[in-house]
């Protein structure tokens, strides 16, 4: 299992969630569109935290790889 590849997929998923929510908010003024702004704000904050968590996984995996290489050297 490759944690970096998994985290990259998580980054992509978080980015897509944020983009989809932003698109719904952008269509808020269009007649016939029913957008709940509060739930969209929650969705965007959640996507932001998901993105940050996946970045932390990548940083940690890189740090661990660096430490392992230092030990082996």
Protein backbone atom coordinates (compact mmCIF):
# COMPACT_ATOMS: atom_id res chain seq x y z
CA UNK A 1 0.00 0.00 0.00
CA UNK A 2 1.47 3.33 -1.07
CA UNK A 3 0.42 6.10 1.35
CA UNK A 4 1.53 8.86 -1.02
CA UNK A 5 -0.61 7.54 -3.87
CA UNK A 6 -3.56 7.15 -1.52
CA UNK A 7 -3.10 10.69 -0.23
CA UNK A 8 -2.84 12.03 -3.80
CA UNK A 9 -6.19 10.41 -4.57
CA UNK A 10 -7.57 12.03 -1.42
CA UNK A 11 -6.26 15.43 -2.55
CA UNK A 12 -8.01 14.99 -5.88
CA UNK A 13 -11.27 13.97 -4.19
CA UNK A 14 -11.13 16.96 -1.82
CA UNK A 15 -10.41 19.32 -4.68
CA UNK A 16 -13.36 17.96 -6.65
CA UNK A 17 -15.67 18.29 -3.62
CA UNK A 18 -14.62 21.91 -3.15
CA UNK A 19 -15.02 22.73 -6.86
CA UNK A 20 -18.47 21.15 -7.00
CA UNK A 21 -19.60 23.13 -3.96
CA UNK A 22 -18.15 26.36 -5.35
CA UNK A 23 -20.02 25.78 -8.62
CA UNK A 24 -23.30 25.30 -6.75
CA UNK A 25 -22.70 28.54 -4.80
CA UNK A 26 -21.90 30.37 -8.05
CA UNK A 27 -25.27 29.28 -9.47
CA UNK A 28 -27.07 30.54 -6.37
CA UNK A 29 -28.56 33.59 -8.07
CA UNK A 30 -29.91 31.66 -11.06
CA UNK A 31 -33.66 31.28 -11.06
CA UNK A 32 -34.76 27.74 -10.32
CA UNK A 33 -31.57 26.87 -8.43
CA UNK A 34 -32.15 25.95 -4.82
CA UNK A 35 -28.82 26.25 -2.97
CA UNK A 36 -28.44 25.93 0.79
CA UNK A 37 -25.56 28.30 1.50
CA UNK A 38 -24.97 27.01 5.04
CA UNK A 39 -24.51 23.41 3.90
CA UNK A 40 -22.25 24.54 1.05
CA UNK A 41 -20.02 26.45 3.49
CA UNK A 42 -19.82 23.33 5.67
CA UNK A 43 -18.98 21.26 2.57
CA UNK A 44 -16.18 23.65 1.58
CA UNK A 45 -14.70 23.70 5.09
CA UNK A 46 -14.86 19.90 5.21
CA UNK A 47 -13.14 19.62 1.83
CA UNK A 48 -10.44 22.04 3.02
CA UNK A 49 -9.77 19.89 6.09
CA UNK A 50 -9.74 16.73 3.97
CA UNK A 51 -7.18 18.37 1.68
CA UNK A 52 -5.01 19.42 4.64
CA UNK A 53 -5.16 15.96 6.19
CA UNK A 54 -4.00 14.35 2.96
CA UNK A 55 -1.14 16.84 2.69
CA UNK A 56 -0.09 15.87 6.21
CA UNK A 57 -0.03 12.21 5.18
CA UNK A 58 2.25 13.04 2.25
CA UNK A 59 4.59 15.13 4.44
CA UNK A 60 4.76 12.38 7.06
CA UNK A 61 5.45 9.68 4.45
CA UNK A 62 8.22 11.81 2.96
CA UNK A 63 9.73 12.44 6.40
CA UNK A 64 9.64 8.73 7.22
CA UNK A 65 11.28 7.86 3.91
CA UNK A 66 13.98 10.45 4.56
CA UNK A 67 14.63 9.07 8.06
CA UNK A 68 14.84 5.52 6.68
CA UNK A 69 17.33 6.61 4.05
CA UNK A 70 19.38 8.37 6.73
CA UNK A 71 19.44 5.19 8.81
CA UNK A 72 20.47 3.07 5.83
CA UNK A 73 23.22 5.50 4.76
